[in-house]
Amino acid sequence: MTSVDRVSQYLAAFGLQDRIRTLEKSSATVALAAQALGCQEALIAKTLSFEYNGSALLLVAAGDAKVDNKKFKEVFGTKAKMPAPEQVEALTGFQPGGVCPFAAKEGVEVYLDVSLKRFETVYPAGGSGNTAVKLTLEELEKASRAKKWVDVCKSWQPQPAAAQ
């Protein structure tokens, strides 16, 4: 069974299996996914993997957000350490570029970053480097079985105007 089939089967339990879109072009990066979907990069719900307590932690964040190491450590009690590309599949069950918050390996915890809350609909990956799943935030929260919403990213908030 491919990882996309596994994700489709998983999403079927939520009635969302028909939301997976197989794209003609790669969606392995935020920029490529946005181009393939014809949307702004911020709407790509990137799933970042981190080494955490001997397993993996998946953080789903807006495409224009960057992890703030200080905030990450405050929330998770450890430094944000991404696994080497060759370790990603063993930790998460997905190859780099296709990591998504659905049907991950047993014991992998999923968290959603507040950077996503600006949008009604977002596009996480669907288990491969050329898939995307169109979901509302409520659908994403339920289908990902996220442990909770966290605030561990930066660079996505509107910057205040300079004082004059």
C-alpha atoms as a PDB file:
ATOM      1  CA  MET A   1       0.000   0.000   0.000  1.00  0.00           C
ATOM      2  CA  THR A   2       1.422   3.397  -0.950  1.00  0.00           C
ATOM      3  CA  SER A   3       1.533   6.234   1.534  1.00  0.00           C
ATOM      4  CA  VAL A   4      -1.155   8.061  -0.495  1.00  0.00           C
ATOM      5  CA  ASP A   5      -3.396   4.969  -0.310  1.00  0.00           C
ATOM      6  CA  ARG A   6      -2.771   4.819   3.443  1.00  0.00           C
ATOM      7  CA  VAL A   7      -3.730   8.507   3.809  1.00  0.00           C
ATOM      8  CA  SER A   8      -6.821   8.036   1.624  1.00  0.00           C
ATOM      9  CA  GLN A   9      -7.942   5.068   3.711  1.00  0.00           C
ATOM     10  CA  TYR A  10      -7.292   7.048   6.901  1.00  0.00           C
ATOM     11  CA  LEU A  11      -9.234  10.097   5.651  1.00  0.00           C
ATOM     12  CA  ALA A  12     -12.160   7.843   4.655  1.00  0.00           C
ATOM     13  CA  ALA A  13     -12.954   7.470   8.361  1.00  0.00           C
ATOM     14  CA  PHE A  14     -13.688  11.223   8.341  1.00  0.00           C
ATOM     15  CA  GLY A  15     -15.467  11.206   4.965  1.00  0.00           C
ATOM     16  CA  LEU A  16     -12.600  13.240   3.474  1.00  0.00           C
ATOM     17  CA  GLN A  17     -10.891  10.768   1.142  1.00  0.00           C
ATOM     18  CA  ASP A  18     -12.235  12.595  -1.924  1.00  0.00           C
ATOM     19  CA  ARG A  19     -10.300  15.742  -0.918  1.00  0.00           C
ATOM     20  CA  ILE A  20      -6.892  14.346  -1.928  1.00  0.00           C
ATOM     21  CA  ARG A  21      -5.695  15.942  -5.137  1.00  0.00           C
ATOM     22  CA  THR A  22      -2.945  14.310  -7.163  1.00  0.00           C
ATOM     23  CA  LEU A  23      -1.013  17.073  -8.886  1.00  0.00           C
ATOM     24  CA  GLU A  24       0.808  16.916 -12.200  1.00  0.00           C
ATOM     25  CA  LYS A  25       3.704  18.864 -10.731  1.00  0.00           C
ATOM     26  CA  SER A  26       5.699  18.390  -7.552  1.00  0.00           C
ATOM     27  CA  SER A  27       4.267  19.798  -4.334  1.00  0.00           C
ATOM     28  CA  ALA A  28       7.287  18.788  -2.245  1.00  0.00           C
ATOM     29  CA  THR A  29       8.032  22.354  -1.123  1.00  0.00           C
ATOM     30  CA  VAL A  30       5.753  25.213  -0.129  1.00  0.00           C
ATOM     31  CA  ALA A  31       6.642  27.178  -3.274  1.00  0.00           C
ATOM     32  CA  LEU A  32       6.060  24.209  -5.593  1.00  0.00           C
ATOM     33  CA  ALA A  33       2.787  23.281  -3.870  1.00  0.00           C
ATOM     34  CA  ALA A  34       1.464  26.845  -4.117  1.00  0.00           C
ATOM     35  CA  GLN A  35       2.419  26.980  -7.802  1.00  0.00           C
ATOM     36  CA  ALA A  36       0.817  23.593  -8.536  1.00  0.00           C
ATOM     37  CA  LEU A  37      -2.388  24.563  -6.697  1.00  0.00           C
ATOM     38  CA  GLY A  38      -2.493  28.165  -7.920  1.00  0.00           C
ATOM     39  CA  CYS A  39      -2.720  29.627  -4.423  1.00  0.00           C
ATOM     40  CA  GLN A  40      -0.614  31.791  -2.132  1.00  0.00           C
ATOM     41  CA  GLU A  41       2.209  30.078  -0.243  1.00  0.00           C
ATOM     42  CA  ALA A  42       0.698  30.923   3.149  1.00  0.00           C
ATOM     43  CA  LEU A  43      -2.242  28.557   2.406  1.00  0.00           C
ATOM     44  CA  ILE A  44       0.068  25.550   2.168  1.00  0.00           C
ATOM     45  CA  ALA A  45      -0.154  23.771   5.521  1.00  0.00           C
ATOM     46  CA  LYS A  46       3.401  22.493   5.706  1.00  0.00           C
ATOM     47  CA  THR A  47       4.024  19.560   8.008  1.00  0.00           C
ATOM     48  CA  LEU A  48       7.411  19.835   9.662  1.00  0.00           C
ATOM     49  CA  SER A  49       8.944  16.853  11.444  1.00  0.00           C
ATOM     50  CA  PHE A  50      11.091  17.092  14.551  1.00  0.00           C
ATOM     51  CA  GLU A  51      12.872  14.528  16.689  1.00  0.00           C
ATOM     52  CA  TYR A  52      10.998  14.365  19.989  1.00  0.00           C
ATOM     53  CA  ASN A  53      11.301  11.961  22.927  1.00  0.00           C
ATOM     54  CA  GLY A  54      12.748   9.174  20.772  1.00  0.00           C
ATOM     55  CA  SER A  55       9.971   9.514  18.207  1.00  0.00           C
ATOM     56  CA  ALA A  56       8.748  12.302  15.969  1.00  0.00           C
ATOM     57  CA  LEU A  57       6.590  15.342  16.466  1.00  0.00           C
ATOM     58  CA  LEU A  58       4.736  16.814  13.485  1.00  0.00           C
ATOM     59  CA  LEU A  59       4.036  20.527  13.422  1.00  0.00           C
ATOM     60  CA  VAL A  60       1.577  21.816  10.838  1.00  0.00           C
ATOM     61  CA  ALA A  61       2.134  25.509  10.093  1.00  0.00           C
ATOM     62  CA  ALA A  62       1.229  28.072   7.452  1.00  0.00           C
ATOM     63  CA  GLY A  63       3.501  28.118   4.445  1.00  0.00           C
ATOM     64  CA  ASP A  64       4.842  31.586   5.246  1.00  0.00           C
ATOM     65  CA  ALA A  65       5.655  30.799   8.894  1.00  0.00           C
ATOM     66  CA  LYS A  66       9.081  29.926  10.285  1.00  0.00           C
ATOM     67  CA  VAL A  67       9.739  28.003  13.486  1.00  0.00           C
ATOM     68  CA  ASP A  68      10.820  30.267  16.329  1.00  0.00           C
ATOM     69  CA  ASN A  69      13.393  28.192  18.229  1.00  0.00           C
ATOM     70  CA  LYS A  70      12.796  30.021  21.515  1.00  0.00           C
ATOM     71  CA  LYS A  71       9.005  29.529  21.359  1.00  0.00           C
ATOM     72  CA  PHE A  72       9.463  25.886  20.316  1.00  0.00           C
ATOM     73  CA  LYS A  73      11.666  25.164  23.334  1.00  0.00           C
ATOM     74  CA  GLU A  74       9.206  26.937  25.668  1.00  0.00           C
ATOM     75  CA  VAL A  75       6.300  24.808  24.423  1.00  0.00           C
ATOM     76  CA  PHE A  76       7.994  21.420  23.940  1.00  0.00           C
ATOM     77  CA  GLY A  77      10.833  21.640  26.465  1.00  0.00           C
ATOM     78  CA  THR A  78      13.466  20.732  23.914  1.00  0.00           C
ATOM     79  CA  LYS A  79      15.392  22.284  21.066  1.00  0.00           C
ATOM     80  CA  ALA A  80      13.758  22.132  17.635  1.00  0.00           C
ATOM     81  CA  LYS A  81      15.769  19.410  15.881  1.00  0.00           C
ATOM     82  CA  MET A  82      14.691  18.238  12.463  1.00  0.00           C
ATOM     83  CA  PRO A  83      15.726  14.720  11.464  1.00  0.00           C
ATOM     84  CA  ALA A  84      18.142  14.164   8.590  1.00  0.00           C
ATOM     85  CA  PRO A  85      16.286  13.570   5.296  1.00  0.00           C
ATOM     86  CA  GLU A  86      17.210   9.873   5.334  1.00  0.00           C
ATOM     87  CA  GLN A  87      15.609   9.500   8.803  1.00  0.00           C
ATOM     88  CA  VAL A  88      12.286  11.191   8.007  1.00  0.00           C
ATOM     89  CA  GLU A  89      10.469   8.161   6.618  1.00  0.00           C
ATOM     90  CA  ALA A  90      11.591   5.878   9.470  1.00  0.00           C
ATOM     91  CA  LEU A  91      10.324   8.418  12.035  1.00  0.00           C
ATOM     92  CA  THR A  92       7.113   9.587  10.357  1.00  0.00           C
ATOM     93  CA  GLY A  93       6.106   6.957   7.799  1.00  0.00           C
ATOM     94  CA  PHE A  94       6.459   9.448   4.943  1.00  0.00           C
ATOM     95  CA  GLN A  95       9.226  10.447   2.583  1.00  0.00           C
ATOM     96  CA  PRO A  96      10.467  14.063   2.699  1.00  0.00           C
ATOM     97  CA  GLY A  97       8.160  16.259   0.635  1.00  0.00           C
ATOM     98  CA  GLY A  98       5.129  14.110   1.428  1.00  0.00           C
ATOM     99  CA  VAL A  99       5.014  14.285   5.218  1.00  0.00           C
ATOM    100  CA  CYS A 100       1.469  14.977   6.314  1.00  0.00           C
ATOM    101  CA  PRO A 101      -0.504  14.946   9.571  1.00  0.00           C
ATOM    102  CA  PHE A 102      -2.621  11.916   8.593  1.00  0.00           C
ATOM    103  CA  ALA A 103      -1.815   8.220   9.142  1.00  0.00           C
ATOM    104  CA  ALA A 104       1.663   8.877  10.520  1.00  0.00           C
ATOM    105  CA  LYS A 105       3.574   6.184  12.345  1.00  0.00           C
ATOM    106  CA  GLU A 106       2.289   5.034  15.714  1.00  0.00           C
ATOM    107  CA  GLY A 107       3.333   7.360  18.537  1.00  0.00           C
ATOM    108  CA  VAL A 108       3.862  10.430  16.354  1.00  0.00           C
ATOM    109  CA  GLU A 109       2.175  13.470  17.899  1.00  0.00           C
ATOM    110  CA  VAL A 110       0.623  16.186  15.718  1.00  0.00           C
ATOM    111  CA  TYR A 111       0.380  19.864  16.684  1.00  0.00           C
ATOM    112  CA  LEU A 112      -1.182  22.740  14.750  1.00  0.00           C
ATOM    113  CA  ASP A 113       0.404  26.177  14.782  1.00  0.00           C
ATOM    114  CA  VAL A 114      -1.769  29.270  15.233  1.00  0.00           C
ATOM    115  CA  SER A 115      -0.301  30.697  12.007  1.00  0.00           C
ATOM    116  CA  LEU A 116      -2.979  28.630  10.206  1.00  0.00           C
ATOM    117  CA  LYS A 117      -5.883  30.282  12.036  1.00  0.00           C
ATOM    118  CA  ARG A 118      -5.933  33.209   9.572  1.00  0.00           C
ATOM    119  CA  PHE A 119      -7.476  30.984   6.916  1.00  0.00           C
ATOM    120  CA  GLU A 120     -10.708  29.090   6.391  1.00  0.00           C
ATOM    121  CA  THR A 121      -9.148  26.497   4.087  1.00  0.00           C
ATOM    122  CA  VAL A 122      -5.589  25.166   3.856  1.00  0.00           C
ATOM    123  CA  TYR A 123      -3.699  22.527   1.856  1.00  0.00           C
ATOM    124  CA  PRO A 124      -1.607  19.953   3.737  1.00  0.00           C
ATOM    125  CA  ALA A 125       0.200  17.212   1.796  1.00  0.00           C
ATOM    126  CA  GLY A 126      -1.564  13.940   1.087  1.00  0.00           C
ATOM    127  CA  GLY A 127       1.274  11.507   1.690  1.00  0.00           C
ATOM    128  CA  SER A 128       3.508  12.114  -1.327  1.00  0.00           C
ATOM    129  CA  GLY A 129       5.471  14.853  -3.045  1.00  0.00           C
ATOM    130  CA  ASN A 130       2.681  15.522  -5.541  1.00  0.00           C
ATOM    131  CA  THR A 131      -0.516  15.454  -3.475  1.00  0.00           C
ATOM    132  CA  ALA A 132      -2.495  17.973  -1.464  1.00  0.00           C
ATOM    133  CA  VAL A 133      -5.671  17.804   0.618  1.00  0.00           C
ATOM    134  CA  LYS A 134      -8.050  20.775   0.695  1.00  0.00           C
ATOM    135  CA  LEU A 135      -9.460  21.069   4.224  1.00  0.00           C
ATOM    136  CA  THR A 136     -11.113  23.606   6.485  1.00  0.00           C
ATOM    137  CA  LEU A 137      -9.301  24.244   9.757  1.00  0.00           C
ATOM    138  CA  GLU A 138     -11.972  22.284  11.629  1.00  0.00           C
ATOM    139  CA  GLU A 139     -11.522  19.314   9.272  1.00  0.00           C
ATOM    140  CA  LEU A 140      -7.737  19.544   9.626  1.00  0.00           C
ATOM    141  CA  GLU A 141      -7.972  19.624  13.407  1.00  0.00           C
ATOM    142  CA  LYS A 142     -10.246  16.572  13.527  1.00  0.00           C
ATOM    143  CA  ALA A 143      -8.532  14.506  10.817  1.00  0.00           C
ATOM    144  CA  SER A 144      -5.026  15.175  12.101  1.00  0.00           C
ATOM    145  CA  ARG A 145      -6.082  14.253  15.639  1.00  0.00           C
ATOM    146  CA  ALA A 146      -3.901  17.149  16.726  1.00  0.00           C
ATOM    147  CA  LYS A 147      -2.971  17.183  20.396  1.00  0.00           C
ATOM    148  CA  LYS A 148      -3.455  20.960  20.511  1.00  0.00           C
ATOM    149  CA  TRP A 149      -2.899  24.330  18.884  1.00  0.00           C
ATOM    150  CA  VAL A 150       0.488  25.870  19.664  1.00  0.00           C
ATOM    151  CA  ASP A 151       2.200  29.212  18.987  1.00  0.00           C
ATOM    152  CA  VAL A 152       5.753  28.315  17.953  1.00  0.00           C
ATOM    153  CA  CYS A 153       6.228  30.171  14.657  1.00  0.00           C
ATOM    154  CA  LYS A 154       7.277  33.646  13.578  1.00  0.00           C
ATOM    155  CA  SER A 155       7.487  35.807  10.453  1.00  0.00           C
ATOM    156  CA  TRP A 156       3.851  35.341   9.467  1.00  0.00           C
ATOM    157  CA  GLN A 157       2.234  38.123  11.486  1.00  0.00           C
ATOM    158  CA  PRO A 158       1.706  41.505   9.846  1.00  0.00           C
ATOM    159  CA  GLN A 159       4.506  43.817  10.878  1.00  0.00           C
ATOM    160  CA  PRO A 160       3.479  46.986  12.738  1.00  0.00           C
ATOM    161  CA  ALA A 161       4.002  50.201  10.846  1.00  0.00           C
ATOM    162  CA  ALA A 162       7.191  52.035  11.797  1.00  0.00           C
ATOM    163  CA  ALA A 163       6.664  54.801  14.322  1.00  0.00           C
ATOM    164  CA  GLN A 164       6.778  58.198  12.690  1.00  0.00           C
END
